[in-house]
Amino acid sequence: MTPEQFAYWLQGYTELTAGQQPTPEQWKSITEHLKTVFVKVTPEVKFQINPILPSAPVVDRLREYMDKHTKLWPNGGAPVITC
């Protein structure tokens, strides 16, 4: 179940059980699930350019490549918004 699906389920549960209180165990489970729904933890991504080669030439080649190819994209690679 995705976090969004859980939020919809919880909303439906509260609508269908109007006036009934969840048990303490149910509240504990609900609050644990809500913590995962509203707190997004993105793992750290470590990117390392080959330490043997100097990074400047690699970055320069990447910039040249992007400059050359983004000119082919609509709007120079900038976002295009259409309605």
PDB file of N, CA and C in Angstrom:
ATOM      1  N   MET A   1       0.857  -1.171   0.000  1.00  0.00           N
ATOM      2  CA  MET A   1       0.000   0.000   0.000  1.00  0.00           C
ATOM      3  C   MET A   1       0.899   1.230   0.000  1.00  0.00           C
ATOM      4  N   THR A   2       0.609   2.140  -0.900  1.00  0.00           N
ATOM      5  CA  THR A   2       1.388   3.376  -0.956  1.00  0.00           C
ATOM      6  C   THR A   2       0.934   4.323   0.155  1.00  0.00           C
ATOM      7  N   PRO A   3       1.768   5.317   0.490  1.00  0.00           N
ATOM      8  CA  PRO A   3       1.348   6.287   1.499  1.00  0.00           C
ATOM      9  C   PRO A   3       0.037   6.985   1.132  1.00  0.00           C
ATOM     10  N   GLU A   4      -0.122   7.308  -0.149  1.00  0.00           N
ATOM     11  CA  GLU A   4      -1.359   7.966  -0.587  1.00  0.00           C
ATOM     12  C   GLU A   4      -2.562   7.047  -0.394  1.00  0.00           C
ATOM     13  N   GLN A   5      -2.402   5.771  -0.732  1.00  0.00           N
ATOM     14  CA  GLN A   5      -3.492   4.812  -0.543  1.00  0.00           C
ATOM     15  C   GLN A   5      -3.840   4.675   0.938  1.00  0.00           C
ATOM     16  N   PHE A   6      -2.834   4.683   1.802  1.00  0.00           N
ATOM     17  CA  PHE A   6      -3.107   4.586   3.232  1.00  0.00           C
ATOM     18  C   PHE A   6      -3.903   5.794   3.715  1.00  0.00           C
ATOM     19  N   ALA A   7      -3.529   6.983   3.238  1.00  0.00           N
ATOM     20  CA  ALA A   7      -4.255   8.190   3.645  1.00  0.00           C
ATOM     21  C   ALA A   7      -5.711   8.111   3.200  1.00  0.00           C
ATOM     22  N   TYR A   8      -5.966   7.619   1.977  1.00  0.00           N
ATOM     23  CA  TYR A   8      -7.347   7.458   1.512  1.00  0.00           C
ATOM     24  C   TYR A   8      -8.075   6.399   2.336  1.00  0.00           C
ATOM     25  N   TRP A   9      -7.392   5.307   2.647  1.00  0.00           N
ATOM     26  CA  TRP A   9      -8.019   4.264   3.464  1.00  0.00           C
ATOM     27  C   TRP A   9      -8.407   4.819   4.824  1.00  0.00           C
ATOM     28  N   LEU A  10      -7.494   5.575   5.442  1.00  0.00           N
ATOM     29  CA  LEU A  10      -7.765   6.138   6.762  1.00  0.00           C
ATOM     30  C   LEU A  10      -8.950   7.100   6.711  1.00  0.00           C
ATOM     31  N   GLN A  11      -9.025   7.897   5.657  1.00  0.00           N
ATOM     32  CA  GLN A  11     -10.155   8.813   5.505  1.00  0.00           C
ATOM     33  C   GLN A  11     -11.462   8.028   5.399  1.00  0.00           C
ATOM     34  N   GLY A  12     -11.476   6.982   4.588  1.00  0.00           N
ATOM     35  CA  GLY A  12     -12.670   6.151   4.460  1.00  0.00           C
ATOM     36  C   GLY A  12     -13.021   5.448   5.756  1.00  0.00           C
ATOM     37  N   TYR A  13     -12.017   4.986   6.476  1.00  0.00           N
ATOM     38  CA  TYR A  13     -12.243   4.305   7.748  1.00  0.00           C
ATOM     39  C   TYR A  13     -12.920   5.237   8.743  1.00  0.00           C
ATOM     40  N   THR A  14     -12.444   6.479   8.808  1.00  0.00           N
ATOM     41  CA  THR A  14     -13.041   7.421   9.757  1.00  0.00           C
ATOM     42  C   THR A  14     -14.461   7.787   9.356  1.00  0.00           C
ATOM     43  N   GLU A  15     -14.744   7.830   8.053  1.00  0.00           N
ATOM     44  CA  GLU A  15     -16.105   8.137   7.605  1.00  0.00           C
ATOM     45  C   GLU A  15     -17.062   6.990   7.914  1.00  0.00           C
ATOM     46  N   LEU A  16     -16.598   5.753   7.758  1.00  0.00           N
ATOM     47  CA  LEU A  16     -17.475   4.597   7.961  1.00  0.00           C
ATOM     48  C   LEU A  16     -17.668   4.243   9.429  1.00  0.00           C
ATOM     49  N   THR A  17     -16.743   4.634  10.277  1.00  0.00           N
ATOM     50  CA  THR A  17     -16.856   4.301  11.699  1.00  0.00           C
ATOM     51  C   THR A  17     -17.135   5.552  12.515  1.00  0.00           C
ATOM     52  N   ALA A  18     -18.035   6.377  12.028  1.00  0.00           N
ATOM     53  CA  ALA A  18     -18.342   7.660  12.677  1.00  0.00           C
ATOM     54  C   ALA A  18     -18.692   7.439  14.145  1.00  0.00           C
ATOM     55  N   GLY A  19     -17.986   8.137  15.001  1.00  0.00           N
ATOM     56  CA  GLY A  19     -18.276   8.067  16.426  1.00  0.00           C
ATOM     57  C   GLY A  19     -17.527   6.984  17.180  1.00  0.00           C
ATOM     58  N   GLN A  20     -16.949   6.015  16.495  1.00  0.00           N
ATOM     59  CA  GLN A  20     -16.209   4.945  17.178  1.00  0.00           C
ATOM     60  C   GLN A  20     -14.732   5.333  17.277  1.00  0.00           C
ATOM     61  N   GLN A  21     -14.185   5.163  18.455  1.00  0.00           N
ATOM     62  CA  GLN A  21     -12.775   5.464  18.683  1.00  0.00           C
ATOM     63  C   GLN A  21     -11.932   4.220  18.417  1.00  0.00           C
ATOM     64  N   PRO A  22     -10.795   4.366  17.734  1.00  0.00           N
ATOM     65  CA  PRO A  22      -9.886   3.227  17.584  1.00  0.00           C
ATOM     66  C   PRO A  22      -9.316   2.823  18.943  1.00  0.00           C
ATOM     67  N   THR A  23      -8.942   1.568  19.054  1.00  0.00           N
ATOM     68  CA  THR A  23      -8.320   1.077  20.284  1.00  0.00           C
ATOM     69  C   THR A  23      -6.916   1.680  20.397  1.00  0.00           C
ATOM     70  N   PRO A  24      -6.321   1.646  21.590  1.00  0.00           N
ATOM     71  CA  PRO A  24      -4.946   2.172  21.724  1.00  0.00           C
ATOM     72  C   PRO A  24      -3.956   1.483  20.777  1.00  0.00           C
ATOM     73  N   GLU A  25      -4.135   0.190  20.554  1.00  0.00           N
ATOM     74  CA  GLU A  25      -3.245  -0.521  19.625  1.00  0.00           C
ATOM     75  C   GLU A  25      -3.443  -0.013  18.198  1.00  0.00           C
ATOM     76  N   GLN A  26      -4.702   0.230  17.820  1.00  0.00           N
ATOM     77  CA  GLN A  26      -4.974   0.746  16.481  1.00  0.00           C
ATOM     78  C   GLN A  26      -4.394   2.152  16.317  1.00  0.00           C
ATOM     79  N   TRP A  27      -4.531   3.004  17.346  1.00  0.00           N
ATOM     80  CA  TRP A  27      -3.960   4.346  17.279  1.00  0.00           C
ATOM     81  C   TRP A  27      -2.450   4.277  17.094  1.00  0.00           C
ATOM     82  N   LYS A  28      -1.800   3.366  17.813  1.00  0.00           N
ATOM     83  CA  LYS A  28      -0.348   3.226  17.692  1.00  0.00           C
ATOM     84  C   LYS A  28       0.025   2.849  16.260  1.00  0.00           C
ATOM     85  N   SER A  29      -0.690   1.882  15.702  1.00  0.00           N
ATOM     86  CA  SER A  29      -0.424   1.453  14.329  1.00  0.00           C
ATOM     87  C   SER A  29      -0.688   2.584  13.338  1.00  0.00           C
ATOM     88  N   ILE A  30      -1.784   3.308  13.529  1.00  0.00           N
ATOM     89  CA  ILE A  30      -2.126   4.414  12.625  1.00  0.00           C
ATOM     90  C   ILE A  30      -1.055   5.499  12.682  1.00  0.00           C
ATOM     91  N   THR A  31      -0.623   5.880  13.879  1.00  0.00           N
ATOM     92  CA  THR A  31       0.391   6.936  13.988  1.00  0.00           C
ATOM     93  C   THR A  31       1.729   6.496  13.401  1.00  0.00           C
ATOM     94  N   GLU A  32       2.074   5.220  13.544  1.00  0.00           N
ATOM     95  CA  GLU A  32       3.316   4.729  12.930  1.00  0.00           C
ATOM     96  C   GLU A  32       3.235   4.817  11.410  1.00  0.00           C
ATOM     97  N   HIS A  33       2.093   4.440  10.854  1.00  0.00           N
ATOM     98  CA  HIS A  33       1.924   4.532   9.398  1.00  0.00           C
ATOM     99  C   HIS A  33       1.936   5.985   8.936  1.00  0.00           C
ATOM    100  N   LEU A  34       1.289   6.866   9.684  1.00  0.00           N
ATOM    101  CA  LEU A  34       1.268   8.280   9.296  1.00  0.00           C
ATOM    102  C   LEU A  34       2.661   8.889   9.329  1.00  0.00           C
ATOM    103  N   LYS A  35       3.514   8.445  10.234  1.00  0.00           N
ATOM    104  CA  LYS A  35       4.891   8.950  10.272  1.00  0.00           C
ATOM    105  C   LYS A  35       5.611   8.618   8.970  1.00  0.00           C
ATOM    106  N   THR A  36       5.354   7.429   8.431  1.00  0.00           N
ATOM    107  CA  THR A  36       6.001   7.068   7.168  1.00  0.00           C
ATOM    108  C   THR A  36       5.370   7.793   5.994  1.00  0.00           C
ATOM    109  N   VAL A  37       4.103   8.166   6.114  1.00  0.00           N
ATOM    110  CA  VAL A  37       3.428   8.865   5.023  1.00  0.00           C
ATOM    111  C   VAL A  37       3.957  10.290   4.891  1.00  0.00           C
ATOM    112  N   PHE A  38       4.113  10.988   6.002  1.00  0.00           N
ATOM    113  CA  PHE A  38       4.437  12.401   5.950  1.00  0.00           C
ATOM    114  C   PHE A  38       5.918  12.709   6.097  1.00  0.00           C
ATOM    115  N   VAL A  39       6.758  11.727   6.335  1.00  0.00           N
ATOM    116  CA  VAL A  39       8.197  11.952   6.436  1.00  0.00           C
ATOM    117  C   VAL A  39       8.865  11.182   5.311  1.00  0.00           C
ATOM    118  N   LYS A  40       9.423  11.921   4.355  1.00  0.00           N
ATOM    119  CA  LYS A  40      10.099  11.277   3.236  1.00  0.00           C
ATOM    120  C   LYS A  40      11.595  11.343   3.498  1.00  0.00           C
ATOM    121  N   VAL A  41      12.212  10.198   3.514  1.00  0.00           N
ATOM    122  CA  VAL A  41      13.646  10.130   3.743  1.00  0.00           C
ATOM    123  C   VAL A  41      14.296   9.631   2.459  1.00  0.00           C
ATOM    124  N   THR A  42      15.104  10.479   1.872  1.00  0.00           N
ATOM    125  CA  THR A  42      15.804  10.122   0.648  1.00  0.00           C
ATOM    126  C   THR A  42      17.219   9.707   1.022  1.00  0.00           C
ATOM    127  N   PRO A  43      17.643   8.520   0.613  1.00  0.00           N
ATOM    128  CA  PRO A  43      19.002   8.100   0.958  1.00  0.00           C
ATOM    129  C   PRO A  43      20.039   8.982   0.273  1.00  0.00           C
ATOM    130  N   GLU A  44      21.160   9.152   0.940  1.00  0.00           N
ATOM    131  CA  GLU A  44      22.238   9.960   0.392  1.00  0.00           C
ATOM    132  C   GLU A  44      22.864   9.231  -0.789  1.00  0.00           C
ATOM    133  N   VAL A  45      23.062   9.960  -1.869  1.00  0.00           N
ATOM    134  CA  VAL A  45      23.683   9.390  -3.055  1.00  0.00           C
ATOM    135  C   VAL A  45      25.089   9.962  -3.147  1.00  0.00           C
ATOM    136  N   LYS A  46      26.051   9.073  -3.145  1.00  0.00           N
ATOM    137  CA  LYS A  46      27.440   9.526  -3.218  1.00  0.00           C
ATOM    138  C   LYS A  46      27.913   9.397  -4.659  1.00  0.00           C
ATOM    139  N   PHE A  47      28.334  10.508  -5.219  1.00  0.00           N
ATOM    140  CA  PHE A  47      28.832  10.531  -6.585  1.00  0.00           C
ATOM    141  C   PHE A  47      30.288  10.940  -6.529  1.00  0.00           C
ATOM    142  N   GLN A  48      31.115  10.127  -7.122  1.00  0.00           N
ATOM    143  CA  GLN A  48      32.537  10.436  -7.099  1.00  0.00           C
ATOM    144  C   GLN A  48      33.088  10.247  -8.496  1.00  0.00           C
ATOM    145  N   ILE A  49      33.733  11.276  -8.983  1.00  0.00           N
ATOM    146  CA  ILE A  49      34.428  11.171 -10.259  1.00  0.00           C
ATOM    147  C   ILE A  49      35.710  10.392 -10.001  1.00  0.00           C
ATOM    148  N   ASN A  50      36.119   9.624 -10.971  1.00  0.00           N
ATOM    149  CA  ASN A  50      37.307   8.792 -10.838  1.00  0.00           C
ATOM    150  C   ASN A  50      38.457   9.603 -10.242  1.00  0.00           C
ATOM    151  N   PRO A  51      38.942   9.225  -9.050  1.00  0.00           N
ATOM    152  CA  PRO A  51      39.993  10.020  -8.399  1.00  0.00           C
ATOM    153  C   PRO A  51      41.328   9.970  -9.131  1.00  0.00           C
ATOM    154  N   ILE A  52      41.505   9.009 -10.024  1.00  0.00           N
ATOM    155  CA  ILE A  52      42.768   8.902 -10.757  1.00  0.00           C
ATOM    156  C   ILE A  52      42.862  10.004 -11.806  1.00  0.00           C
ATOM    157  N   LEU A  53      41.718  10.320 -12.439  1.00  0.00           N
ATOM    158  CA  LEU A  53      41.701  11.355 -13.462  1.00  0.00           C
ATOM    159  C   LEU A  53      41.332  12.696 -12.840  1.00  0.00           C
ATOM    160  N   PRO A  54      41.928  13.767 -13.312  1.00  0.00           N
ATOM    161  CA  PRO A  54      41.478  15.073 -12.836  1.00  0.00           C
ATOM    162  C   PRO A  54      40.040  15.309 -13.299  1.00  0.00           C
ATOM    163  N   SER A  55      39.222  15.900 -12.451  1.00  0.00           N
ATOM    164  CA  SER A  55      37.809  16.043 -12.775  1.00  0.00           C
ATOM    165  C   SER A  55      37.533  17.165 -13.765  1.00  0.00           C
ATOM    166  N   ALA A  56      38.401  18.152 -13.865  1.00  0.00           N
ATOM    167  CA  ALA A  56      38.140  19.289 -14.745  1.00  0.00           C
ATOM    168  C   ALA A  56      37.919  18.869 -16.200  1.00  0.00           C
ATOM    169  N   PRO A  57      38.765  18.017 -16.797  1.00  0.00           N
ATOM    170  CA  PRO A  57      38.513  17.624 -18.187  1.00  0.00           C
ATOM    171  C   PRO A  57      37.185  16.887 -18.357  1.00  0.00           C
ATOM    172  N   VAL A  58      36.812  16.085 -17.391  1.00  0.00           N
ATOM    173  CA  VAL A  58      35.553  15.349 -17.479  1.00  0.00           C
ATOM    174  C   VAL A  58      34.381  16.324 -17.455  1.00  0.00           C
ATOM    175  N   VAL A  59      34.434  17.279 -16.551  1.00  0.00           N
ATOM    176  CA  VAL A  59      33.364  18.271 -16.442  1.00  0.00           C
ATOM    177  C   VAL A  59      33.314  19.128 -17.696  1.00  0.00           C
ATOM    178  N   ASP A  60      34.474  19.502 -18.227  1.00  0.00           N
ATOM    179  CA  ASP A  60      34.505  20.303 -19.451  1.00  0.00           C
ATOM    180  C   ASP A  60      33.881  19.548 -20.617  1.00  0.00           C
ATOM    181  N   ARG A  61      34.182  18.249 -20.747  1.00  0.00           N
ATOM    182  CA  ARG A  61      33.579  17.459 -21.827  1.00  0.00           C
ATOM    183  C   ARG A  61      32.073  17.349 -21.651  1.00  0.00           C
ATOM    184  N   LEU A  62      31.640  17.200 -20.417  1.00  0.00           N
ATOM    185  CA  LEU A  62      30.207  17.118 -20.153  1.00  0.00           C
ATOM    186  C   LEU A  62      29.513  18.428 -20.516  1.00  0.00           C
ATOM    187  N   ARG A  63      30.130  19.557 -20.158  1.00  0.00           N
ATOM    188  CA  ARG A  63      29.546  20.862 -20.507  1.00  0.00           C
ATOM    189  C   ARG A  63      29.462  21.039 -22.018  1.00  0.00           C
ATOM    190  N   GLU A  64      30.517  20.668 -22.726  1.00  0.00           N
ATOM    191  CA  GLU A  64      30.511  20.778 -24.188  1.00  0.00           C
ATOM    192  C   GLU A  64      29.397  19.925 -24.788  1.00  0.00           C
ATOM    193  N   TYR A  65      29.256  18.714 -24.287  1.00  0.00           N
ATOM    194  CA  TYR A  65      28.212  17.812 -24.781  1.00  0.00           C
ATOM    195  C   TYR A  65      26.829  18.409 -24.544  1.00  0.00           C
ATOM    196  N   MET A  66      26.597  18.917 -23.334  1.00  0.00           N
ATOM    197  CA  MET A  66      25.286  19.482 -23.013  1.00  0.00           C
ATOM    198  C   MET A  66      25.012  20.733 -23.836  1.00  0.00           C
ATOM    199  N   ASP A  67      26.018  21.590 -24.004  1.00  0.00           N
ATOM    200  CA  ASP A  67      25.830  22.798 -24.807  1.00  0.00           C
ATOM    201  C   ASP A  67      25.476  22.446 -26.243  1.00  0.00           C
ATOM    202  N   LYS A  68      26.121  21.423 -26.769  1.00  0.00           N
ATOM    203  CA  LYS A  68      25.875  21.015 -28.151  1.00  0.00           C
ATOM    204  C   LYS A  68      24.484  20.413 -28.315  1.00  0.00           C
ATOM    205  N   HIS A  69      24.070  19.569 -27.379  1.00  0.00           N
ATOM    206  CA  HIS A  69      22.825  18.828 -27.556  1.00  0.00           C
ATOM    207  C   HIS A  69      21.585  19.534 -27.023  1.00  0.00           C
ATOM    208  N   THR A  70      21.730  20.435 -26.078  1.00  0.00           N
ATOM    209  CA  THR A  70      20.529  21.118 -25.581  1.00  0.00           C
ATOM    210  C   THR A  70      20.000  22.117 -26.592  1.00  0.00           C
ATOM    211  N   LYS A  71      20.817  22.517 -27.546  1.00  0.00           N
ATOM    212  CA  LYS A  71      20.334  23.419 -28.590  1.00  0.00           C
ATOM    213  C   LYS A  71      19.309  22.723 -29.480  1.00  0.00           C
ATOM    214  N   LEU A  72      19.344  21.400 -29.520  1.00  0.00           N
ATOM    215  CA  LEU A  72      18.393  20.646 -30.327  1.00  0.00           C
ATOM    216  C   LEU A  72      17.050  20.491 -29.623  1.00  0.00           C
ATOM    217  N   TRP A  73      17.018  20.718 -28.331  1.00  0.00           N
ATOM    218  CA  TRP A  73      15.788  20.552 -27.557  1.00  0.00           C
ATOM    219  C   TRP A  73      14.903  21.778 -27.718  1.00  0.00           C
ATOM    220  N   PRO A  74      13.594  21.602 -27.576  1.00  0.00           N
ATOM    221  CA  PRO A  74      12.716  22.773 -27.646  1.00  0.00           C
ATOM    222  C   PRO A  74      13.065  23.752 -26.531  1.00  0.00           C
ATOM    223  N   ASN A  75      13.101  25.004 -26.869  1.00  0.00           N
ATOM    224  CA  ASN A  75      13.328  26.052 -25.875  1.00  0.00           C
ATOM    225  C   ASN A  75      14.711  25.934 -25.235  1.00  0.00           C
ATOM    226  N   GLY A  76      15.673  25.350 -25.927  1.00  0.00           N
ATOM    227  CA  GLY A  76      17.033  25.247 -25.411  1.00  0.00           C
ATOM    228  C   GLY A  76      17.181  24.364 -24.198  1.00  0.00           C
ATOM    229  N   GLY A  77      16.255  23.435 -23.986  1.00  0.00           N
ATOM    230  CA  GLY A  77      16.323  22.547 -22.842  1.00  0.00           C
ATOM    231  C   GLY A  77      15.558  23.059 -21.640  1.00  0.00           C
ATOM    232  N   ALA A  78      15.021  24.278 -21.744  1.00  0.00           N
ATOM    233  CA  ALA A  78      14.213  24.824 -20.639  1.00  0.00           C
ATOM    234  C   ALA A  78      12.848  24.134 -20.645  1.00  0.00           C
ATOM    235  N   PRO A  79      12.156  24.136 -19.521  1.00  0.00           N
ATOM    236  CA  PRO A  79      10.835  23.506 -19.479  1.00  0.00           C
ATOM    237  C   PRO A  79       9.883  24.146 -20.483  1.00  0.00           C
ATOM    238  N   VAL A  80       9.111  23.317 -21.141  1.00  0.00           N
ATOM    239  CA  VAL A  80       8.105  23.785 -22.087  1.00  0.00           C
ATOM    240  C   VAL A  80       6.747  23.515 -21.466  1.00  0.00           C
ATOM    241  N   ILE A  81       5.963  24.564 -21.290  1.00  0.00           N
ATOM    242  CA  ILE A  81       4.647  24.423 -20.676  1.00  0.00           C
ATOM    243  C   ILE A  81       3.596  24.672 -21.744  1.00  0.00           C
ATOM    244  N   THR A  82       2.732  23.699 -21.930  1.00  0.00           N
ATOM    245  CA  THR A  82       1.646  23.843 -22.897  1.00  0.00           C
ATOM    246  C   THR A  82       0.324  23.574 -22.218  1.00  0.00           C
ATOM    247  N   CYS A  83      -0.720  24.116 -22.775  1.00  0.00           N
ATOM    248  CA  CYS A  83      -2.061  23.893 -22.226  1.00  0.00           C
ATOM    249  C   CYS A  83      -2.908  23.140 -23.223  1.00  0.00           C
TER     250      CYS A  83
END
